Structures are given as C-alpha cells and as structure tokens.
C-alpha atoms as a PDB file:
ATOM      1  CA  UNK A   1    -162.023 149.028  72.422  1.00  0.00           C
ATOM      2  CA  UNK A   2    -161.253 145.346  73.173  1.00  0.00           C
ATOM      3  CA  UNK A   3    -158.873 143.369  70.967  1.00  0.00           C
ATOM      4  CA  UNK A   4    -160.850 140.191  71.676  1.00  0.00           C
ATOM      5  CA  UNK A   5    -164.661 140.017  71.775  1.00  0.00           C
ATOM      6  CA  UNK A   6    -166.553 136.877  72.790  1.00  0.00           C
ATOM      7  CA  UNK A   7    -170.256 136.053  72.777  1.00  0.00           C
ATOM      8  CA  UNK A   8    -172.116 133.358  74.683  1.00  0.00           C
ATOM      9  CA  UNK A   9    -173.773 132.278  77.909  1.00  0.00           C
ATOM     10  CA  UNK A  10    -172.336 132.630  81.419  1.00  0.00           C
ATOM     11  CA  UNK A  11    -173.630 130.215  84.054  1.00  0.00           C
ATOM     12  CA  UNK A  12    -173.245 130.071  87.811  1.00  0.00           C
ATOM     13  CA  UNK A  13    -171.322 126.934  88.758  1.00  0.00           C
ATOM     14  CA  UNK A  14    -172.028 124.639  91.713  1.00  0.00           C
ATOM     15  CA  UNK A  15    -169.142 122.166  91.747  1.00  0.00           C
ATOM     16  CA  UNK A  16    -169.448 119.125  94.012  1.00  0.00           C
ATOM     17  CA  UNK A  17    -166.438 118.740  96.285  1.00  0.00           C
ATOM     18  CA  UNK A  18    -167.330 115.122  97.142  1.00  0.00           C
ATOM     19  CA  UNK A  19    -167.798 112.116  94.872  1.00  0.00           C
ATOM     20  CA  UNK A  20    -171.322 110.945  94.138  1.00  0.00           C
ATOM     21  CA  UNK A  21    -174.595 111.839  92.446  1.00  0.00           C
ATOM     22  CA  UNK A  22    -176.441 115.106  93.032  1.00  0.00           C
ATOM     23  CA  UNK A  23    -178.699 113.205  95.448  1.00  0.00           C
ATOM     24  CA  UNK A  24    -175.701 112.092  97.481  1.00  0.00           C
ATOM     25  CA  UNK A  25    -173.505 115.182  97.538  1.00  0.00           C
ATOM     26  CA  UNK A  26    -174.014 117.801 100.246  1.00  0.00           C
ATOM     27  CA  UNK A  27    -171.100 120.176  99.640  1.00  0.00           C
ATOM     28  CA  UNK A  28    -170.571 122.395  96.619  1.00  0.00           C
ATOM     29  CA  UNK A  29    -168.106 125.083  95.705  1.00  0.00           C
ATOM     30  CA  UNK A  30    -169.820 128.094  94.154  1.00  0.00           C
ATOM     31  CA  UNK A  31    -168.067 129.541  91.148  1.00  0.00           C
ATOM     32  CA  UNK A  32    -168.498 130.883  87.659  1.00  0.00           C
ATOM     33  CA  UNK A  33    -168.863 128.984  84.416  1.00  0.00           C
ATOM     34  CA  UNK A  34    -170.027 129.166  80.848  1.00  0.00           C
ATOM     35  CA  UNK A  35    -167.464 128.404  78.180  1.00  0.00           C
ATOM     36  CA  UNK A  36    -167.221 131.846  76.616  1.00  0.00           C
ATOM     37  CA  UNK A  37    -167.145 133.626  79.977  1.00  0.00           C
ATOM     38  CA  UNK A  38    -164.326 131.310  81.078  1.00  0.00           C
ATOM     39  CA  UNK A  39    -162.580 132.141  77.804  1.00  0.00           C
ATOM     40  CA  UNK A  40    -162.839 135.862  78.571  1.00  0.00           C
ATOM     41  CA  UNK A  41    -161.435 135.524  82.076  1.00  0.00           C
ATOM     42  CA  UNK A  42    -158.545 133.391  80.828  1.00  0.00           C
ATOM     43  CA  UNK A  43    -157.720 135.813  78.032  1.00  0.00           C
ATOM     44  CA  UNK A  44    -157.863 138.795  80.375  1.00  0.00           C
ATOM     45  CA  UNK A  45    -155.732 137.180  83.092  1.00  0.00           C
ATOM     46  CA  UNK A  46    -153.123 136.322  80.493  1.00  0.00           C
ATOM     47  CA  UNK A  47    -152.832 139.850  79.179  1.00  0.00           C
ATOM     48  CA  UNK A  48    -155.628 140.191  76.627  1.00  0.00           C
ATOM     49  CA  UNK A  49    -157.940 143.179  76.288  1.00  0.00           C
ATOM     50  CA  UNK A  50    -161.319 141.449  76.269  1.00  0.00           C
ATOM     51  CA  UNK A  51    -165.004 142.315  75.925  1.00  0.00           C
ATOM     52  CA  UNK A  52    -168.090 140.125  76.318  1.00  0.00           C
ATOM     53  CA  UNK A  53    -171.499 140.037  74.647  1.00  0.00           C
ATOM     54  CA  UNK A  54    -174.354 138.308  76.454  1.00  0.00           C
ATOM     55  CA  UNK A  55    -177.661 138.763  78.246  1.00  0.00           C
ATOM     56  CA  UNK A  56    -177.970 138.291  82.016  1.00  0.00           C
ATOM     57  CA  UNK A  57    -180.938 137.997  84.299  1.00  0.00           C
ATOM     58  CA  UNK A  58    -181.492 141.071  86.442  1.00  0.00           C
ATOM     59  CA  UNK A  59    -180.892 138.844  89.466  1.00  0.00           C
ATOM     60  CA  UNK A  60    -178.211 138.228  92.062  1.00  0.00           C
ATOM     61  CA  UNK A  61    -176.510 135.613  89.896  1.00  0.00           C
ATOM     62  CA  UNK A  62    -176.254 138.145  87.090  1.00  0.00           C
ATOM     63  CA  UNK A  63    -174.745 140.681  89.471  1.00  0.00           C
ATOM     64  CA  UNK A  64    -172.203 138.071  90.577  1.00  0.00           C
ATOM     65  CA  UNK A  65    -171.016 137.872  86.981  1.00  0.00           C
ATOM     66  CA  UNK A  66    -170.853 141.631  86.571  1.00  0.00           C
ATOM     67  CA  UNK A  67    -168.705 141.748  89.709  1.00  0.00           C
ATOM     68  CA  UNK A  68    -166.493 138.969  88.327  1.00  0.00           C
ATOM     69  CA  UNK A  69    -165.907 140.659  84.991  1.00  0.00           C
ATOM     70  CA  UNK A  70    -165.188 143.997  86.625  1.00  0.00           C
ATOM     71  CA  UNK A  71    -162.652 142.361  88.935  1.00  0.00           C
ATOM     72  CA  UNK A  72    -161.061 140.477  86.033  1.00  0.00           C
ATOM     73  CA  UNK A  73    -160.842 143.417  83.659  1.00  0.00           C
ATOM     74  CA  UNK A  74    -163.369 142.030  81.169  1.00  0.00           C
ATOM     75  CA  UNK A  75    -165.362 144.810  79.534  1.00  0.00           C
ATOM     76  CA  UNK A  76    -169.097 144.236  80.096  1.00  0.00           C
ATOM     77  CA  UNK A  77    -170.340 147.545  78.728  1.00  0.00           C
ATOM     78  CA  UNK A  78    -172.369 145.762  76.028  1.00  0.00           C
ATOM     79  CA  UNK A  79    -173.959 143.157  78.344  1.00  0.00           C
ATOM     80  CA  UNK A  80    -177.759 143.416  78.506  1.00  0.00           C
ATOM     81  CA  UNK A  81    -179.680 142.887  81.767  1.00  0.00           C
ATOM     82  CA  UNK A  82    -183.256 141.640  81.486  1.00  0.00           C
ATOM     83  CA  UNK A  83    -186.166 140.716  83.746  1.00  0.00           C
ATOM     84  CA  UNK A  84    -187.676 138.157  81.362  1.00  0.00           C
ATOM     85  CA  UNK A  85    -185.033 135.468  81.840  1.00  0.00           C
ATOM     86  CA  UNK A  86    -182.796 134.276  84.652  1.00  0.00           C
ATOM     87  CA  UNK A  87    -179.052 133.696  84.710  1.00  0.00           C
ATOM     88  CA  UNK A  88    -178.346 130.004  84.078  1.00  0.00           C
ATOM     89  CA  UNK A  89    -176.991 127.575  86.686  1.00  0.00           C
ATOM     90  CA  UNK A  90    -175.230 124.223  86.366  1.00  0.00           C
ATOM     91  CA  UNK A  91    -174.062 121.523  88.758  1.00  0.00           C
ATOM     92  CA  UNK A  92    -170.922 119.413  88.413  1.00  0.00           C
ATOM     93  CA  UNK A  93    -170.946 115.960  90.004  1.00  0.00           C
ATOM     94  CA  UNK A  94    -168.049 113.534  89.917  1.00  0.00           C
ATOM     95  CA  UNK A  95    -167.154 109.898  90.347  1.00  0.00           C
ATOM     96  CA  UNK A  96    -163.445 109.278  90.456  1.00  0.00           C
ATOM     97  CA  UNK A  97    -161.702 111.213  87.710  1.00  0.00           C
ATOM     98  CA  UNK A  98    -164.851 111.636  85.593  1.00  0.00           C
ATOM     99  CA  UNK A  99    -167.443 114.364  85.989  1.00  0.00           C
ATOM    100  CA  UNK A 100    -170.917 115.109  84.651  1.00  0.00           C
ATOM    101  CA  UNK A 101    -172.939 118.273  84.211  1.00  0.00           C
ATOM    102  CA  UNK A 102    -176.562 119.061  85.087  1.00  0.00           C
ATOM    103  CA  UNK A 103    -177.875 122.299  83.579  1.00  0.00           C
ATOM    104  CA  UNK A 104    -180.727 124.621  84.543  1.00  0.00           C
ATOM    105  CA  UNK A 105    -180.705 127.023  81.622  1.00  0.00           C
ATOM    106  CA  UNK A 106    -184.025 126.648  79.780  1.00  0.00           C
ATOM    107  CA  UNK A 107    -185.291 130.075  78.671  1.00  0.00           C
ATOM    108  CA  UNK A 108    -182.295 131.737  80.317  1.00  0.00           C
ATOM    109  CA  UNK A 109    -181.539 135.386  79.671  1.00  0.00           C
ATOM    110  CA  UNK A 110    -178.630 134.435  77.409  1.00  0.00           C
ATOM    111  CA  UNK A 111    -180.909 132.238  75.307  1.00  0.00           C
ATOM    112  CA  UNK A 112    -182.728 135.454  74.351  1.00  0.00           C
ATOM    113  CA  UNK A 113    -179.657 136.759  72.526  1.00  0.00           C
ATOM    114  CA  UNK A 114    -180.638 137.999  69.078  1.00  0.00           C
ATOM    115  CA  UNK A 115    -179.224 139.905  66.130  1.00  0.00           C
ATOM    116  CA  UNK A 116    -180.616 143.073  67.731  1.00  0.00           C
ATOM    117  CA  UNK A 117    -178.060 142.692  70.533  1.00  0.00           C
ATOM    118  CA  UNK A 118    -175.033 142.941  68.241  1.00  0.00           C
ATOM    119  CA  UNK A 119    -172.987 146.173  68.549  1.00  0.00           C
ATOM    120  CA  UNK A 120    -171.382 146.309  65.116  1.00  0.00           C
ATOM    121  CA  UNK A 121    -168.652 148.843  65.872  1.00  0.00           C
ATOM    122  CA  UNK A 122    -167.685 146.929  69.012  1.00  0.00           C
ATOM    123  CA  UNK A 123    -167.275 143.703  67.030  1.00  0.00           C
ATOM    124  CA  UNK A 124    -165.484 145.263  64.076  1.00  0.00           C
ATOM    125  CA  UNK A 125    -163.063 147.069  66.387  1.00  0.00           C
ATOM    126  CA  UNK A 126    -161.632 143.767  67.630  1.00  0.00           C
ATOM    127  CA  UNK A 127    -158.850 141.629  66.209  1.00  0.00           C
ATOM    128  CA  UNK A 128    -160.575 138.346  67.104  1.00  0.00           C
ATOM    129  CA  UNK A 129    -164.223 137.371  67.642  1.00  0.00           C
ATOM    130  CA  UNK A 130    -164.765 134.191  69.666  1.00  0.00           C
ATOM    131  CA  UNK A 131    -167.851 132.050  70.106  1.00  0.00           C
ATOM    132  CA  UNK A 132    -168.868 128.419  70.585  1.00  0.00           C
ATOM    133  CA  UNK A 133    -171.242 125.661  69.659  1.00  0.00           C
ATOM    134  CA  UNK A 134    -172.957 126.074  73.012  1.00  0.00           C
ATOM    135  CA  UNK A 135    -173.811 129.662  72.113  1.00  0.00           C
ATOM    136  CA  UNK A 136    -175.465 128.343  68.964  1.00  0.00           C
ATOM    137  CA  UNK A 137    -177.232 125.550  70.826  1.00  0.00           C
ATOM    138  CA  UNK A 138    -179.080 127.501  73.516  1.00  0.00           C
ATOM    139  CA  UNK A 139    -181.718 128.916  71.149  1.00  0.00           C
ATOM    140  CA  UNK A 140    -182.494 129.592  67.515  1.00  0.00           C
ATOM    141  CA  UNK A 141    -182.177 133.340  68.069  1.00  0.00           C
ATOM    142  CA  UNK A 142    -178.755 132.921  69.693  1.00  0.00           C
ATOM    143  CA  UNK A 143    -177.675 130.745  66.778  1.00  0.00           C
ATOM    144  CA  UNK A 144    -178.825 133.379  64.295  1.00  0.00           C
ATOM    145  CA  UNK A 145    -177.004 136.043  66.311  1.00  0.00           C
ATOM    146  CA  UNK A 146    -173.828 133.969  66.228  1.00  0.00           C
ATOM    147  CA  UNK A 147    -173.830 133.674  62.447  1.00  0.00           C
ATOM    148  CA  UNK A 148    -174.677 137.369  62.108  1.00  0.00           C
ATOM    149  CA  UNK A 149    -171.809 138.347  64.416  1.00  0.00           C
ATOM    150  CA  UNK A 150    -169.412 136.136  62.452  1.00  0.00           C
ATOM    151  CA  UNK A 151    -170.534 137.785  59.211  1.00  0.00           C
ATOM    152  CA  UNK A 152    -170.044 141.270  60.696  1.00  0.00           C
ATOM    153  CA  UNK A 153    -166.602 140.342  61.975  1.00  0.00           C
ATOM    154  CA  UNK A 154    -165.393 138.661  58.783  1.00  0.00           C
ATOM    155  CA  UNK A 155    -166.524 141.583  56.634  1.00  0.00           C
ATOM    156  CA  UNK A 156    -164.253 143.818  58.721  1.00  0.00           C
ATOM    157  CA  UNK A 157    -161.275 141.456  58.601  1.00  0.00           C
ATOM    158  CA  UNK A 158    -161.693 140.289  62.197  1.00  0.00           C
ATOM    159  CA  UNK A 159    -160.389 136.757  62.839  1.00  0.00           C
ATOM    160  CA  UNK A 160    -162.920 134.146  63.969  1.00  0.00           C
ATOM    161  CA  UNK A 161    -162.203 131.811  66.894  1.00  0.00           C
ATOM    162  CA  UNK A 162    -164.570 128.880  67.409  1.00  0.00           C
ATOM    163  CA  UNK A 163    -164.864 126.119  69.991  1.00  0.00           C
ATOM    164  CA  UNK A 164    -167.443 123.511  68.864  1.00  0.00           C
ATOM    165  CA  UNK A 165    -167.827 122.366  72.489  1.00  0.00           C
ATOM    166  CA  UNK A 166    -170.413 119.709  71.651  1.00  0.00           C
ATOM    167  CA  UNK A 167    -173.040 119.166  74.351  1.00  0.00           C
ATOM    168  CA  UNK A 168    -175.525 116.465  73.342  1.00  0.00           C
ATOM    169  CA  UNK A 169    -177.864 117.454  76.175  1.00  0.00           C
ATOM    170  CA  UNK A 170    -178.445 120.921  74.702  1.00  0.00           C
ATOM    171  CA  UNK A 171    -179.427 120.062  71.116  1.00  0.00           C
ATOM    172  CA  UNK A 172    -179.917 117.115  68.806  1.00  0.00           C
ATOM    173  CA  UNK A 173    -176.908 115.376  67.302  1.00  0.00           C
ATOM    174  CA  UNK A 174    -178.115 116.071  63.776  1.00  0.00           C
ATOM    175  CA  UNK A 175    -178.588 119.797  64.334  1.00  0.00           C
ATOM    176  CA  UNK A 176    -175.341 120.089  66.287  1.00  0.00           C
ATOM    177  CA  UNK A 177    -173.320 118.513  63.505  1.00  0.00           C
ATOM    178  CA  UNK A 178    -175.037 120.543  60.787  1.00  0.00           C
ATOM    179  CA  UNK A 179    -174.516 123.884  62.543  1.00  0.00           C
ATOM    180  CA  UNK A 180    -170.917 123.132  63.484  1.00  0.00           C
ATOM    181  CA  UNK A 181    -170.078 122.094  59.922  1.00  0.00           C
ATOM    182  CA  UNK A 182    -171.695 125.287  58.653  1.00  0.00           C
ATOM    183  CA  UNK A 183    -169.560 127.358  61.031  1.00  0.00           C
ATOM    184  CA  UNK A 184    -166.140 125.772  60.528  1.00  0.00           C
ATOM    185  CA  UNK A 185    -165.483 127.246  57.032  1.00  0.00           C
ATOM    186  CA  UNK A 186    -165.763 130.728  58.555  1.00  0.00           C
ATOM    187  CA  UNK A 187    -163.285 130.039  61.375  1.00  0.00           C
ATOM    188  CA  UNK A 188    -159.649 131.058  61.464  1.00  0.00           C
ATOM    189  CA  UNK A 189    -159.085 129.089  64.679  1.00  0.00           C
ATOM    190  CA  UNK A 190    -161.022 125.947  65.651  1.00  0.00           C
ATOM    191  CA  UNK A 191    -160.545 124.390  69.105  1.00  0.00           C
ATOM    192  CA  UNK A 192    -162.277 120.986  69.214  1.00  0.00           C
ATOM    193  CA  UNK A 193    -161.658 118.328  71.816  1.00  0.00           C
ATOM    194  CA  UNK A 194    -160.888 114.838  70.545  1.00  0.00           C
ATOM    195  CA  UNK A 195    -164.484 113.872  71.381  1.00  0.00           C
ATOM    196  CA  UNK A 196    -165.777 116.881  69.433  1.00  0.00           C
ATOM    197  CA  UNK A 197    -163.611 115.886  66.490  1.00  0.00           C
ATOM    198  CA  UNK A 198    -164.876 112.312  66.534  1.00  0.00           C
ATOM    199  CA  UNK A 199    -168.466 113.590  66.605  1.00  0.00           C
ATOM    200  CA  UNK A 200    -167.935 116.037  63.755  1.00  0.00           C
ATOM    201  CA  UNK A 201    -165.905 113.829  61.410  1.00  0.00           C
ATOM    202  CA  UNK A 202    -166.641 110.245  62.444  1.00  0.00           C
ATOM    203  CA  UNK A 203    -162.912 109.529  62.717  1.00  0.00           C
ATOM    204  CA  UNK A 204    -160.995 108.590  65.864  1.00  0.00           C
ATOM    205  CA  UNK A 205    -157.584 109.445  64.422  1.00  0.00           C
ATOM    206  CA  UNK A 206    -156.379 112.925  65.459  1.00  0.00           C
ATOM    207  CA  UNK A 207    -154.507 113.620  62.226  1.00  0.00           C
ATOM    208  CA  UNK A 208    -157.499 112.506  60.154  1.00  0.00           C
ATOM    209  CA  UNK A 209    -159.834 114.682  62.221  1.00  0.00           C
ATOM    210  CA  UNK A 210    -157.642 117.747  61.824  1.00  0.00           C
ATOM    211  CA  UNK A 211    -157.231 117.058  58.121  1.00  0.00           C
ATOM    212  CA  UNK A 212    -160.971 116.855  57.564  1.00  0.00           C
ATOM    213  CA  UNK A 213    -161.576 120.116  59.433  1.00  0.00           C
ATOM    214  CA  UNK A 214    -158.945 121.843  57.312  1.00  0.00           C
ATOM    215  CA  UNK A 215    -160.560 120.431  54.175  1.00  0.00           C
ATOM    216  CA  UNK A 216    -163.871 121.910  55.326  1.00  0.00           C
ATOM    217  CA  UNK A 217    -162.330 125.362  55.462  1.00  0.00           C
ATOM    218  CA  UNK A 218    -160.792 125.869  58.892  1.00  0.00           C
ATOM    219  CA  UNK A 219    -157.537 127.846  58.720  1.00  0.00           C
ATOM    220  CA  UNK A 220    -155.929 126.568  61.943  1.00  0.00           C
ATOM    221  CA  UNK A 221    -157.062 123.604  64.048  1.00  0.00           C
ATOM    222  CA  UNK A 222    -155.850 123.055  67.603  1.00  0.00           C
ATOM    223  CA  UNK A 223    -157.199 119.604  68.451  1.00  0.00           C
ATOM    224  CA  UNK A 224    -157.182 119.177  72.231  1.00  0.00           C
ATOM    225  CA  UNK A 225    -156.043 115.696  73.259  1.00  0.00           C
ATOM    226  CA  UNK A 226    -156.202 115.949  77.053  1.00  0.00           C
ATOM    227  CA  UNK A 227    -153.126 114.573  78.770  1.00  0.00           C
ATOM    228  CA  UNK A 228    -151.711 113.748  75.319  1.00  0.00           C
ATOM    229  CA  UNK A 229    -151.374 117.456  74.569  1.00  0.00           C
ATOM    230  CA  UNK A 230    -152.603 119.092  71.386  1.00  0.00           C
ATOM    231  CA  UNK A 231    -152.350 118.540  67.654  1.00  0.00           C
ATOM    232  CA  UNK A 232    -151.783 121.843  65.880  1.00  0.00           C
ATOM    233  CA  UNK A 233    -152.745 121.701  62.213  1.00  0.00           C
ATOM    234  CA  UNK A 234    -152.588 124.266  59.444  1.00  0.00           C
ATOM    235  CA  UNK A 235    -152.602 123.875  55.672  1.00  0.00           C
ATOM    236  CA  UNK A 236    -148.796 123.878  55.827  1.00  0.00           C
ATOM    237  CA  UNK A 237    -148.106 121.388  58.621  1.00  0.00           C
ATOM    238  CA  UNK A 238    -149.310 119.246  61.511  1.00  0.00           C
ATOM    239  CA  UNK A 239    -147.388 119.138  64.765  1.00  0.00           C
ATOM    240  CA  UNK A 240    -148.092 117.593  68.148  1.00  0.00           C
ATOM    241  CA  UNK A 241    -147.336 119.558  71.297  1.00  0.00           C
ATOM    242  CA  UNK A 242    -146.860 117.547  74.479  1.00  0.00           C
ATOM    243  CA  UNK A 243    -148.956 118.323  77.535  1.00  0.00           C
ATOM    244  CA  UNK A 244    -147.385 119.834  80.621  1.00  0.00           C
ATOM    245  CA  UNK A 245    -147.336 117.288  83.445  1.00  0.00           C
ATOM    246  CA  UNK A 246    -149.311 118.403  86.501  1.00  0.00           C
ATOM    247  CA  UNK A 247    -151.304 116.864  89.337  1.00  0.00           C
ATOM    248  CA  UNK A 248    -154.787 117.370  87.888  1.00  0.00           C
ATOM    249  CA  UNK A 249    -157.807 117.425  90.203  1.00  0.00           C
ATOM    250  CA  UNK A 250    -160.517 119.022  88.029  1.00  0.00           C
ATOM    251  CA  UNK A 251    -160.514 119.470  84.254  1.00  0.00           C
ATOM    252  CA  UNK A 252    -163.572 121.759  84.177  1.00  0.00           C
ATOM    253  CA  UNK A 253    -162.925 124.744  81.935  1.00  0.00           C
ATOM    254  CA  UNK A 254    -159.468 123.645  80.805  1.00  0.00           C
ATOM    255  CA  UNK A 255    -160.497 123.750  77.156  1.00  0.00           C
ATOM    256  CA  UNK A 256    -161.902 127.257  77.596  1.00  0.00           C
ATOM    257  CA  UNK A 257    -158.630 128.392  79.133  1.00  0.00           C
ATOM    258  CA  UNK A 258    -156.750 126.798  76.240  1.00  0.00           C
ATOM    259  CA  UNK A 259    -158.746 128.792  73.698  1.00  0.00           C
ATOM    260  CA  UNK A 260    -158.446 132.030  75.676  1.00  0.00           C
ATOM    261  CA  UNK A 261    -154.697 131.596  76.062  1.00  0.00           C
ATOM    262  CA  UNK A 262    -154.198 130.685  72.394  1.00  0.00           C
ATOM    263  CA  UNK A 263    -156.118 133.695  71.099  1.00  0.00           C
ATOM    264  CA  UNK A 264    -154.378 136.038  73.532  1.00  0.00           C
ATOM    265  CA  UNK A 265    -150.980 134.777  72.407  1.00  0.00           C
ATOM    266  CA  UNK A 266    -152.047 135.247  68.779  1.00  0.00           C
ATOM    267  CA  UNK A 267    -153.092 138.848  69.395  1.00  0.00           C
ATOM    268  CA  UNK A 268    -149.726 139.405  71.082  1.00  0.00           C
ATOM    269  CA  UNK A 269    -147.999 138.367  67.855  1.00  0.00           C
ATOM    270  CA  UNK A 270    -146.877 134.816  68.616  1.00  0.00           C
ATOM    271  CA  UNK A 271    -146.646 132.081  65.981  1.00  0.00           C
ATOM    272  CA  UNK A 272    -149.257 129.289  65.951  1.00  0.00           C
ATOM    273  CA  UNK A 273    -146.874 126.787  67.549  1.00  0.00           C
ATOM    274  CA  UNK A 274    -145.946 129.288  70.261  1.00  0.00           C
ATOM    275  CA  UNK A 275    -149.654 129.921  70.837  1.00  0.00           C
ATOM    276  CA  UNK A 276    -150.260 126.188  71.222  1.00  0.00           C
ATOM    277  CA  UNK A 277    -147.433 125.746  73.721  1.00  0.00           C
ATOM    278  CA  UNK A 278    -148.581 128.724  75.760  1.00  0.00           C
ATOM    279  CA  UNK A 279    -152.193 127.531  75.726  1.00  0.00           C
ATOM    280  CA  UNK A 280    -151.170 123.993  76.672  1.00  0.00           C
ATOM    281  CA  UNK A 281    -149.375 125.256  79.763  1.00  0.00           C
ATOM    282  CA  UNK A 282    -152.238 127.538  80.799  1.00  0.00           C
ATOM    283  CA  UNK A 283    -154.820 124.763  80.387  1.00  0.00           C
ATOM    284  CA  UNK A 284    -152.709 122.314  82.382  1.00  0.00           C
ATOM    285  CA  UNK A 285    -152.389 124.741  85.280  1.00  0.00           C
ATOM    286  CA  UNK A 286    -156.161 125.234  85.260  1.00  0.00           C
ATOM    287  CA  UNK A 287    -156.655 121.551  86.116  1.00  0.00           C
ATOM    288  CA  UNK A 288    -154.694 121.813  89.377  1.00  0.00           C
ATOM    289  CA  UNK A 289    -157.563 123.486  91.272  1.00  0.00           C
ATOM    290  CA  UNK A 290    -161.321 123.200  91.624  1.00  0.00           C
ATOM    291  CA  UNK A 291    -163.783 124.963  89.364  1.00  0.00           C
ATOM    292  CA  UNK A 292    -163.648 126.590  85.963  1.00  0.00           C
ATOM    293  CA  UNK A 293    -162.364 130.048  86.917  1.00  0.00           C
ATOM    294  CA  UNK A 294    -160.462 130.112  90.208  1.00  0.00           C
ATOM    295  CA  UNK A 295    -157.469 128.039  88.971  1.00  0.00           C
ATOM    296  CA  UNK A 296    -156.988 129.952  85.702  1.00  0.00           C
ATOM    297  CA  UNK A 297    -153.394 131.236  85.813  1.00  0.00           C
ATOM    298  CA  UNK A 298    -152.480 134.903  85.731  1.00  0.00           C
ATOM    299  CA  UNK A 299    -149.749 136.472  83.686  1.00  0.00           C
ATOM    300  CA  UNK A 300    -146.689 137.091  85.844  1.00  0.00           C
END
C-alpha cells in the first residue's frame, strides 16, 4: 500500500523548444505533465512509495502515462481507463524567460472523476493524500470527488497535502477562490506560489499571505517564492529558506516537484524546515532541464 496517494489529471506535454507563439514554433519536446502526476513522479524518484488516482482515455496518450508510471515506480492499480473521454494535452510556448500554457482538456477522461472512483481502503492506508486546485477545477464531479477523498482521508488520520495551483483559464476567479478557501482549513500542508497567495488573500506580502492562510486553518504553509526561495510558516514560527542557485532554463513543474519532495521528506520523518530545504533543492534542479518530468532529480 502506498504511503502517499495523489489524485488529479495527467496531461501529455508538448513543450516548445524555440521562442514564439504556437503559430510560429515548429519544434516541440514531447513529455508528461499534469501537476499531480508530476508530484507523483517527483515523490517516487526521491524515495517515496506513491500511488495515483485518475481516469485516462483508452488511447495511446493514456498508455504513455501507464508506461511512465510503471517505469517510475508509481502505483497505477487504481487508475481507470475509459472510452468516453480522451487523455488531455497541453502546449507550452515561451518568450524569453516567460512561458504560457494552452490546454486541450475539455471533457477529458480525468474530468469524469467522481466519488464512485474513490478506493477508500487505498486512501486510508496512506500517510498523506495530495491533490490540487486544478483537480477541483476540471469539473464539478472531480471537485466533489476531491472533497470526498479529503473527508475519507481526514477521518482516518491521513495528512492532507494541497497545492492551490490557480489557473484562471480553467475556472472563474470567484469559484476558484471560494473552493480554495473551503479546502485550506482541511489541509496539513499548503503549497501556494506567491501568485496563488496574492490571488487567495489579496496581499502581496509573503508573511501576510502565510499568516492569513494559517488563520484560515492551514497547519503548515510553504509559500513558494521562485528564485527568492520559500517561506515556511507554521503556527509556531515563520522562516525563509534561500533558493539554491542554478542555471534555470525551464521552470515548468518546479512547484510540483517541490510539493512531491516536501511530502516525501515528511513521510521519511524529517522536520518541516528540513522538508523545505530538501524540496527547495529538488525544485531548483528541476529547472535546469526542459519539461516537467525529465529534469526531476533522483535520489542518489
């Protein structure tokens, strides 16, 4: 039985290797994406025992993910294959150091996730259950399934890990904020980016953001600050952890790796500050290569 169980949507990634719009670019690197799938791969590579809950299209893209998870040691025994929906795809285009995402995920297989897909014993057998705002955003049924899974996990004493991962293109700002605020009180670990924190709280000050999230019920907040590192906040203290200096080329998936590394370190018995330092290093290394998955570091 996995120590860490995650639920969400995997998506095939087409990452532009040249600068420009989708109309201009002719070369793409094919890879894997989806925040919770990236989380699983990161956690597994770094020594975690991980399982994944999702729905995939019974298509070649879905099989690519099954091959990935098998190769990476991520348990996919509870993944459902369906003919009614396809596996989602997204494109990454870039101009300079910035990048943008274009998604093709409407009515995807993962958006059909529902409470009927939840294996209770599988969830309650874990130490940590992880999910994200994107999982809640892709459909009403997936959102309901997320809250149901959290309730199942909490009733069994399983810790809850949550990455708000705000994507304005997937749902309305009002609904996003309402659902995220409803989720945070149930979370033991919250992993917002600075932009997520600004959206949720209205503040631009990292300490104020973390403080508000703690006031709303989060137990531990690891506020990701990019090249400024991370602000780790609990009800006892706030402490900044400096980023590891690297030559970054692509930040895609770095936040997912951070969360996967943090939770893995927690399951291995490390203190919150040790978890943050470990996750910081893993996320930094992820930015030194292209794509969300290929650069994720492996445990030595």
